[in-house]
Amino acid sequence: MNSFAHFKAFLGKDFISPVEITENICKRFRRYLLDKFNGDTPSNYYSRFKWVIKAATTDKYFITNPTEEVPAQSNLKHNRFT
């Protein structure tokens, strides 16, 4: 629900048709999340968004998955493993 709420806030509207959800919109939503949140939160929200879009693609709402080439990213300032 939080990912959906932030997607609606990013769009500034309550409804968007599948034809409007493009790779560009997905990239802009990911950037919005990275600008708004710290740590792993942007990655977690975007991963959930990708999961929903993948399910919608399976259900034939999309011909191709618009999130396929847009990976989730965290907003960590440094590498945890160094």
PDB file of N, CA and C in Angstrom:
ATOM      1  N   MET A   1       0.824  -1.201   0.000  1.00  0.00           N
ATOM      2  CA  MET A   1       0.000   0.000   0.000  1.00  0.00           C
ATOM      3  C   MET A   1       0.866   1.264   0.000  1.00  0.00           C
ATOM      4  N   ASN A   2       2.002   1.227   0.733  1.00  0.00           N
ATOM      5  CA  ASN A   2       2.851   2.420   0.765  1.00  0.00           C
ATOM      6  C   ASN A   2       3.443   2.731  -0.605  1.00  0.00           C
ATOM      7  N   SER A   3       3.870   1.715  -1.325  1.00  0.00           N
ATOM      8  CA  SER A   3       4.413   1.935  -2.655  1.00  0.00           C
ATOM      9  C   SER A   3       3.349   2.559  -3.564  1.00  0.00           C
ATOM     10  N   PHE A   4       2.134   2.036  -3.498  1.00  0.00           N
ATOM     11  CA  PHE A   4       1.030   2.571  -4.301  1.00  0.00           C
ATOM     12  C   PHE A   4       0.717   4.010  -3.912  1.00  0.00           C
ATOM     13  N   ALA A   5       0.713   4.299  -2.614  1.00  0.00           N
ATOM     14  CA  ALA A   5       0.446   5.667  -2.143  1.00  0.00           C
ATOM     15  C   ALA A   5       1.512   6.625  -2.671  1.00  0.00           C
ATOM     16  N   HIS A   6       2.767   6.204  -2.672  1.00  0.00           N
ATOM     17  CA  HIS A   6       3.828   7.073  -3.177  1.00  0.00           C
ATOM     18  C   HIS A   6       3.777   7.197  -4.696  1.00  0.00           C
ATOM     19  N   PHE A   7       3.350   6.159  -5.383  1.00  0.00           N
ATOM     20  CA  PHE A   7       3.195   6.254  -6.829  1.00  0.00           C
ATOM     21  C   PHE A   7       2.102   7.272  -7.167  1.00  0.00           C
ATOM     22  N   LYS A   8       0.993   7.237  -6.433  1.00  0.00           N
ATOM     23  CA  LYS A   8      -0.078   8.223  -6.653  1.00  0.00           C
ATOM     24  C   LYS A   8       0.408   9.633  -6.337  1.00  0.00           C
ATOM     25  N   ALA A   9       1.184   9.794  -5.259  1.00  0.00           N
ATOM     26  CA  ALA A   9       1.714  11.116  -4.915  1.00  0.00           C
ATOM     27  C   ALA A   9       2.667  11.606  -6.006  1.00  0.00           C
ATOM     28  N   PHE A  10       3.506  10.710  -6.511  1.00  0.00           N
ATOM     29  CA  PHE A  10       4.428  11.044  -7.595  1.00  0.00           C
ATOM     30  C   PHE A  10       3.661  11.513  -8.831  1.00  0.00           C
ATOM     31  N   LEU A  11       2.581  10.800  -9.163  1.00  0.00           N
ATOM     32  CA  LEU A  11       1.782  11.155 -10.338  1.00  0.00           C
ATOM     33  C   LEU A  11       0.962  12.415 -10.128  1.00  0.00           C
ATOM     34  N   GLY A  12       0.536  12.626  -8.886  1.00  0.00           N
ATOM     35  CA  GLY A  12      -0.344  13.746  -8.595  1.00  0.00           C
ATOM     36  C   GLY A  12      -1.782  13.475  -8.998  1.00  0.00           C
ATOM     37  N   LYS A  13      -2.127  12.185  -9.130  1.00  0.00           N
ATOM     38  CA  LYS A  13      -3.495  11.808  -9.467  1.00  0.00           C
ATOM     39  C   LYS A  13      -3.766  10.397  -8.974  1.00  0.00           C
ATOM     40  N   ASP A  14      -5.039  10.029  -8.923  1.00  0.00           N
ATOM     41  CA  ASP A  14      -5.437   8.733  -8.387  1.00  0.00           C
ATOM     42  C   ASP A  14      -5.524   7.622  -9.425  1.00  0.00           C
ATOM     43  N   PHE A  15      -5.562   7.981 -10.703  1.00  0.00           N
ATOM     44  CA  PHE A  15      -5.730   6.964 -11.742  1.00  0.00           C
ATOM     45  C   PHE A  15      -4.728   7.184 -12.864  1.00  0.00           C
ATOM     46  N   ILE A  16      -4.186   6.079 -13.358  1.00  0.00           N
ATOM     47  CA  ILE A  16      -3.340   6.102 -14.549  1.00  0.00           C
ATOM     48  C   ILE A  16      -3.629   4.820 -15.314  1.00  0.00           C
ATOM     49  N   SER A  17      -3.808   4.936 -16.619  1.00  0.00           N
ATOM     50  CA  SER A  17      -4.075   3.746 -17.417  1.00  0.00           C
ATOM     51  C   SER A  17      -2.760   3.027 -17.711  1.00  0.00           C
ATOM     52  N   PRO A  18      -2.819   1.732 -17.926  1.00  0.00           N
ATOM     53  CA  PRO A  18      -1.586   0.981 -18.209  1.00  0.00           C
ATOM     54  C   PRO A  18      -0.789   1.550 -19.381  1.00  0.00           C
ATOM     55  N   VAL A  19      -1.459   2.068 -20.388  1.00  0.00           N
ATOM     56  CA  VAL A  19      -0.749   2.605 -21.558  1.00  0.00           C
ATOM     57  C   VAL A  19       0.122   3.809 -21.174  1.00  0.00           C
ATOM     58  N   GLU A  20      -0.196   4.473 -20.079  1.00  0.00           N
ATOM     59  CA  GLU A  20       0.575   5.629 -19.627  1.00  0.00           C
ATOM     60  C   GLU A  20       1.817   5.237 -18.822  1.00  0.00           C
ATOM     61  N   ILE A  21       1.898   3.995 -18.361  1.00  0.00           N
ATOM     62  CA  ILE A  21       3.031   3.551 -17.557  1.00  0.00           C
ATOM     63  C   ILE A  21       4.113   3.054 -18.508  1.00  0.00           C
ATOM     64  N   THR A  22       5.061   3.925 -18.746  1.00  0.00           N
ATOM     65  CA  THR A  22       6.151   3.644 -19.675  1.00  0.00           C
ATOM     66  C   THR A  22       7.455   3.451 -18.901  1.00  0.00           C
ATOM     67  N   GLU A  23       8.483   3.032 -19.599  1.00  0.00           N
ATOM     68  CA  GLU A  23       9.797   2.904 -18.963  1.00  0.00           C
ATOM     69  C   GLU A  23      10.254   4.249 -18.408  1.00  0.00           C
ATOM     70  N   ASN A  24       9.965   5.321 -19.129  1.00  0.00           N
ATOM     71  CA  ASN A  24      10.336   6.657 -18.673  1.00  0.00           C
ATOM     72  C   ASN A  24       9.642   7.027 -17.358  1.00  0.00           C
ATOM     73  N   ILE A  25       8.350   6.734 -17.249  1.00  0.00           N
ATOM     74  CA  ILE A  25       7.611   6.985 -16.005  1.00  0.00           C
ATOM     75  C   ILE A  25       8.226   6.177 -14.870  1.00  0.00           C
ATOM     76  N   CYS A  26       8.607   4.941 -15.162  1.00  0.00           N
ATOM     77  CA  CYS A  26       9.216   4.076 -14.144  1.00  0.00           C
ATOM     78  C   CYS A  26      10.548   4.651 -13.669  1.00  0.00           C
ATOM     79  N   LYS A  27      11.359   5.148 -14.589  1.00  0.00           N
ATOM     80  CA  LYS A  27      12.629   5.774 -14.224  1.00  0.00           C
ATOM     81  C   LYS A  27      12.393   7.025 -13.374  1.00  0.00           C
ATOM     82  N   ARG A  28      11.409   7.810 -13.753  1.00  0.00           N
ATOM     83  CA  ARG A  28      11.105   9.019 -12.983  1.00  0.00           C
ATOM     84  C   ARG A  28      10.575   8.682 -11.597  1.00  0.00           C
ATOM     85  N   PHE A  29       9.784   7.621 -11.472  1.00  0.00           N
ATOM     86  CA  PHE A  29       9.282   7.192 -10.167  1.00  0.00           C
ATOM     87  C   PHE A  29      10.439   6.703  -9.294  1.00  0.00           C
ATOM     88  N   ARG A  30      11.355   5.942  -9.874  1.00  0.00           N
ATOM     89  CA  ARG A  30      12.523   5.493  -9.118  1.00  0.00           C
ATOM     90  C   ARG A  30      13.326   6.693  -8.616  1.00  0.00           C
ATOM     91  N   ARG A  31      13.540   7.695  -9.461  1.00  0.00           N
ATOM     92  CA  ARG A  31      14.267   8.912  -9.073  1.00  0.00           C
ATOM     93  C   ARG A  31      13.523   9.634  -7.948  1.00  0.00           C
ATOM     94  N   TYR A  32      12.205   9.716  -8.044  1.00  0.00           N
ATOM     95  CA  TYR A  32      11.372  10.329  -7.000  1.00  0.00           C
ATOM     96  C   TYR A  32      11.614   9.628  -5.659  1.00  0.00           C
ATOM     97  N   LEU A  33      11.617   8.300  -5.675  1.00  0.00           N
ATOM     98  CA  LEU A  33      11.838   7.537  -4.442  1.00  0.00           C
ATOM     99  C   LEU A  33      13.243   7.769  -3.903  1.00  0.00           C
ATOM    100  N   LEU A  34      14.236   7.784  -4.774  1.00  0.00           N
ATOM    101  CA  LEU A  34      15.614   8.015  -4.343  1.00  0.00           C
ATOM    102  C   LEU A  34      15.795   9.405  -3.750  1.00  0.00           C
ATOM    103  N   ASP A  35      15.099  10.388  -4.289  1.00  0.00           N
ATOM    104  CA  ASP A  35      15.176  11.758  -3.770  1.00  0.00           C
ATOM    105  C   ASP A  35      14.436  11.924  -2.449  1.00  0.00           C
ATOM    106  N   LYS A  36      13.416  11.122  -2.234  1.00  0.00           N
ATOM    107  CA  LYS A  36      12.537  11.282  -1.072  1.00  0.00           C
ATOM    108  C   LYS A  36      12.977  10.454   0.142  1.00  0.00           C
ATOM    109  N   PHE A  37      13.608   9.301  -0.079  1.00  0.00           N
ATOM    110  CA  PHE A  37      13.910   8.373   1.013  1.00  0.00           C
ATOM    111  C   PHE A  37      15.395   8.036   1.077  1.00  0.00           C
ATOM    112  N   ASN A  38      15.800   7.516   2.225  1.00  0.00           N
ATOM    113  CA  ASN A  38      17.183   7.098   2.455  1.00  0.00           C
ATOM    114  C   ASN A  38      17.270   5.589   2.589  1.00  0.00           C
ATOM    115  N   GLY A  39      18.505   5.087   2.543  1.00  0.00           N
ATOM    116  CA  GLY A  39      18.758   3.674   2.801  1.00  0.00           C
ATOM    117  C   GLY A  39      18.131   2.761   1.765  1.00  0.00           C
ATOM    118  N   ASP A  40      17.591   1.656   2.265  1.00  0.00           N
ATOM    119  CA  ASP A  40      16.985   0.653   1.391  1.00  0.00           C
ATOM    120  C   ASP A  40      15.523   0.940   1.053  1.00  0.00           C
ATOM    121  N   THR A  41      14.940   1.961   1.648  1.00  0.00           N
ATOM    122  CA  THR A  41      13.524   2.251   1.428  1.00  0.00           C
ATOM    123  C   THR A  41      13.180   2.466  -0.043  1.00  0.00           C
ATOM    124  N   PRO A  42      13.950   3.267  -0.811  1.00  0.00           N
ATOM    125  CA  PRO A  42      13.607   3.413  -2.235  1.00  0.00           C
ATOM    126  C   PRO A  42      13.624   2.077  -2.977  1.00  0.00           C
ATOM    127  N   SER A  43      14.596   1.256  -2.676  1.00  0.00           N
ATOM    128  CA  SER A  43      14.690  -0.051  -3.323  1.00  0.00           C
ATOM    129  C   SER A  43      13.506  -0.935  -2.946  1.00  0.00           C
ATOM    130  N   ASN A  44      13.138  -0.921  -1.681  1.00  0.00           N
ATOM    131  CA  ASN A  44      12.004  -1.735  -1.224  1.00  0.00           C
ATOM    132  C   ASN A  44      10.701  -1.297  -1.892  1.00  0.00           C
ATOM    133  N   TYR A  45      10.441   0.005  -1.922  1.00  0.00           N
ATOM    134  CA  TYR A  45       9.212   0.503  -2.552  1.00  0.00           C
ATOM    135  C   TYR A  45       9.216   0.216  -4.053  1.00  0.00           C
ATOM    136  N   TYR A  46      10.349   0.446  -4.716  1.00  0.00           N
ATOM    137  CA  TYR A  46      10.387   0.223  -6.157  1.00  0.00           C
ATOM    138  C   TYR A  46      10.313  -1.267  -6.488  1.00  0.00           C
ATOM    139  N   SER A  47      10.903  -2.108  -5.657  1.00  0.00           N
ATOM    140  CA  SER A  47      10.809  -3.557  -5.876  1.00  0.00           C
ATOM    141  C   SER A  47       9.366  -4.031  -5.803  1.00  0.00           C
ATOM    142  N   ARG A  48       8.613  -3.512  -4.863  1.00  0.00           N
ATOM    143  CA  ARG A  48       7.192  -3.866  -4.752  1.00  0.00           C
ATOM    144  C   ARG A  48       6.435  -3.366  -5.984  1.00  0.00           C
ATOM    145  N   PHE A  49       6.744  -2.157  -6.433  1.00  0.00           N
ATOM    146  CA  PHE A  49       6.140  -1.601  -7.650  1.00  0.00           C
ATOM    147  C   PHE A  49       6.439  -2.515  -8.849  1.00  0.00           C
ATOM    148  N   LYS A  50       7.701  -2.946  -8.984  1.00  0.00           N
ATOM    149  CA  LYS A  50       8.078  -3.851 -10.077  1.00  0.00           C
ATOM    150  C   LYS A  50       7.301  -5.164  -9.997  1.00  0.00           C
ATOM    151  N   TRP A  51       7.108  -5.674  -8.801  1.00  0.00           N
ATOM    152  CA  TRP A  51       6.376  -6.924  -8.603  1.00  0.00           C
ATOM    153  C   TRP A  51       4.940  -6.784  -9.118  1.00  0.00           C
ATOM    154  N   VAL A  52       4.304  -5.659  -8.816  1.00  0.00           N
ATOM    155  CA  VAL A  52       2.929  -5.419  -9.265  1.00  0.00           C
ATOM    156  C   VAL A  52       2.875  -5.275 -10.789  1.00  0.00           C
ATOM    157  N   ILE A  53       3.825  -4.546 -11.358  1.00  0.00           N
ATOM    158  CA  ILE A  53       3.858  -4.365 -12.816  1.00  0.00           C
ATOM    159  C   ILE A  53       4.126  -5.700 -13.518  1.00  0.00           C
ATOM    160  N   LYS A  54       4.993  -6.531 -12.945  1.00  0.00           N
ATOM    161  CA  LYS A  54       5.248  -7.847 -13.523  1.00  0.00           C
ATOM    162  C   LYS A  54       3.982  -8.694 -13.520  1.00  0.00           C
ATOM    163  N   ALA A  55       3.232  -8.658 -12.425  1.00  0.00           N
ATOM    164  CA  ALA A  55       1.966  -9.402 -12.347  1.00  0.00           C
ATOM    165  C   ALA A  55       0.969  -8.864 -13.372  1.00  0.00           C
ATOM    166  N   ALA A  56       0.925  -7.544 -13.533  1.00  0.00           N
ATOM    167  CA  ALA A  56       0.022  -6.949 -14.525  1.00  0.00           C
ATOM    168  C   ALA A  56       0.440  -7.330 -15.940  1.00  0.00           C
ATOM    169  N   THR A  57       1.732  -7.471 -16.184  1.00  0.00           N
ATOM    170  CA  THR A  57       2.219  -7.909 -17.494  1.00  0.00           C
ATOM    171  C   THR A  57       1.800  -9.354 -17.753  1.00  0.00           C
ATOM    172  N   THR A  58       1.912 -10.188 -16.743  1.00  0.00           N
ATOM    173  CA  THR A  58       1.469 -11.585 -16.854  1.00  0.00           C
ATOM    174  C   THR A  58      -0.023 -11.661 -17.163  1.00  0.00           C
ATOM    175  N   ASP A  59      -0.792 -10.727 -16.574  1.00  0.00           N
ATOM    176  CA  ASP A  59      -2.237 -10.678 -16.800  1.00  0.00           C
ATOM    177  C   ASP A  59      -2.614  -9.931 -18.082  1.00  0.00           C
ATOM    178  N   LYS A  60      -1.612  -9.577 -18.886  1.00  0.00           N
ATOM    179  CA  LYS A  60      -1.809  -8.978 -20.213  1.00  0.00           C
ATOM    180  C   LYS A  60      -2.248  -7.510 -20.198  1.00  0.00           C
ATOM    181  N   TYR A  61      -2.001  -6.803 -19.089  1.00  0.00           N
ATOM    182  CA  TYR A  61      -2.246  -5.358 -19.082  1.00  0.00           C
ATOM    183  C   TYR A  61      -1.156  -4.624 -19.860  1.00  0.00           C
ATOM    184  N   PHE A  62       0.021  -5.256 -19.945  1.00  0.00           N
ATOM    185  CA  PHE A  62       1.147  -4.710 -20.698  1.00  0.00           C
ATOM    186  C   PHE A  62       1.625  -5.775 -21.682  1.00  0.00           C
ATOM    187  N   ILE A  63       2.060  -5.340 -22.859  1.00  0.00           N
ATOM    188  CA  ILE A  63       2.655  -6.258 -23.820  1.00  0.00           C
ATOM    189  C   ILE A  63       4.065  -6.615 -23.344  1.00  0.00           C
ATOM    190  N   THR A  64       4.819  -5.596 -22.954  1.00  0.00           N
ATOM    191  CA  THR A  64       6.143  -5.793 -22.367  1.00  0.00           C
ATOM    192  C   THR A  64       6.184  -5.069 -21.028  1.00  0.00           C
ATOM    193  N   ASN A  65       6.970  -5.586 -20.121  1.00  0.00           N
ATOM    194  CA  ASN A  65       7.075  -5.032 -18.781  1.00  0.00           C
ATOM    195  C   ASN A  65       7.893  -3.734 -18.819  1.00  0.00           C
ATOM    196  N   PRO A  66       7.280  -2.576 -18.491  1.00  0.00           N
ATOM    197  CA  PRO A  66       8.006  -1.307 -18.559  1.00  0.00           C
ATOM    198  C   PRO A  66       9.079  -1.145 -17.479  1.00  0.00           C
ATOM    199  N   THR A  67       9.084  -2.019 -16.473  1.00  0.00           N
ATOM    200  CA  THR A  67      10.103  -1.930 -15.421  1.00  0.00           C
ATOM    201  C   THR A  67      11.278  -2.865 -15.667  1.00  0.00           C
ATOM    202  N   GLU A  68      11.217  -3.647 -16.724  1.00  0.00           N
ATOM    203  CA  GLU A  68      12.217  -4.685 -16.987  1.00  0.00           C
ATOM    204  C   GLU A  68      13.648  -4.159 -16.959  1.00  0.00           C
ATOM    205  N   GLU A  69      13.888  -3.029 -17.561  1.00  0.00           N
ATOM    206  CA  GLU A  69      15.240  -2.470 -17.680  1.00  0.00           C
ATOM    207  C   GLU A  69      15.536  -1.395 -16.642  1.00  0.00           C
ATOM    208  N   VAL A  70      14.668  -1.254 -15.635  1.00  0.00           N
ATOM    209  CA  VAL A  70      14.843  -0.210 -14.617  1.00  0.00           C
ATOM    210  C   VAL A  70      15.001  -0.894 -13.261  1.00  0.00           C
ATOM    211  N   PRO A  71      16.247  -1.137 -12.850  1.00  0.00           N
ATOM    212  CA  PRO A  71      16.463  -1.860 -11.595  1.00  0.00           C
ATOM    213  C   PRO A  71      16.144  -1.010 -10.365  1.00  0.00           C
ATOM    214  N   ALA A  72      15.785  -1.675  -9.296  1.00  0.00           N
ATOM    215  CA  ALA A  72      15.598  -1.001  -8.013  1.00  0.00           C
ATOM    216  C   ALA A  72      16.966  -0.586  -7.493  1.00  0.00           C
ATOM    217  N   GLN A  73      17.021   0.547  -6.798  1.00  0.00           N
ATOM    218  CA  GLN A  73      18.273   1.030  -6.227  1.00  0.00           C
ATOM    219  C   GLN A  73      18.044   1.487  -4.804  1.00  0.00           C
ATOM    220  N   SER A  74      19.034   1.235  -3.968  1.00  0.00           N
ATOM    221  CA  SER A  74      18.983   1.787  -2.612  1.00  0.00           C
ATOM    222  C   SER A  74      19.658   3.145  -2.636  1.00  0.00           C
ATOM    223  N   ASN A  75      19.533   3.841  -1.564  1.00  0.00           N
ATOM    224  CA  ASN A  75      20.079   5.181  -1.458  1.00  0.00           C
ATOM    225  C   ASN A  75      21.150   5.205  -0.369  1.00  0.00           C
ATOM    226  N   LEU A  76      21.992   4.182  -0.359  1.00  0.00           N
ATOM    227  CA  LEU A  76      23.055   4.093   0.641  1.00  0.00           C
ATOM    228  C   LEU A  76      24.229   4.965   0.219  1.00  0.00           C
ATOM    229  N   LYS A  77      24.791   5.649   1.167  1.00  0.00           N
ATOM    230  CA  LYS A  77      25.902   6.567   0.883  1.00  0.00           C
ATOM    231  C   LYS A  77      27.228   5.843   0.714  1.00  0.00           C
ATOM    232  N   HIS A  78      27.339   4.630   1.255  1.00  0.00           N
ATOM    233  CA  HIS A  78      28.577   3.881   1.147  1.00  0.00           C
ATOM    234  C   HIS A  78      28.268   2.407   1.031  1.00  0.00           C
ATOM    235  N   ASN A  79      29.229   1.658   0.651  1.00  0.00           N
ATOM    236  CA  ASN A  79      29.092   0.221   0.508  1.00  0.00           C
ATOM    237  C   ASN A  79      29.187  -0.415   1.891  1.00  0.00           C
ATOM    238  N   ARG A  80      28.215  -1.204   2.279  1.00  0.00           N
ATOM    239  CA  ARG A  80      28.187  -1.833   3.597  1.00  0.00           C
ATOM    240  C   ARG A  80      29.313  -2.838   3.792  1.00  0.00           C
ATOM    241  N   PHE A  81      29.885  -3.349   2.710  1.00  0.00           N
ATOM    242  CA  PHE A  81      30.843  -4.424   2.799  1.00  0.00           C
ATOM    243  C   PHE A  81      32.295  -3.947   2.836  1.00  0.00           C
ATOM    244  N   THR A  82      32.508  -2.642   2.827  1.00  0.00           N
ATOM    245  CA  THR A  82      33.889  -2.144   2.877  1.00  0.00           C
ATOM    246  C   THR A  82      34.155  -1.459   4.180  1.00  0.00           C
TER     247      THR A  82
END
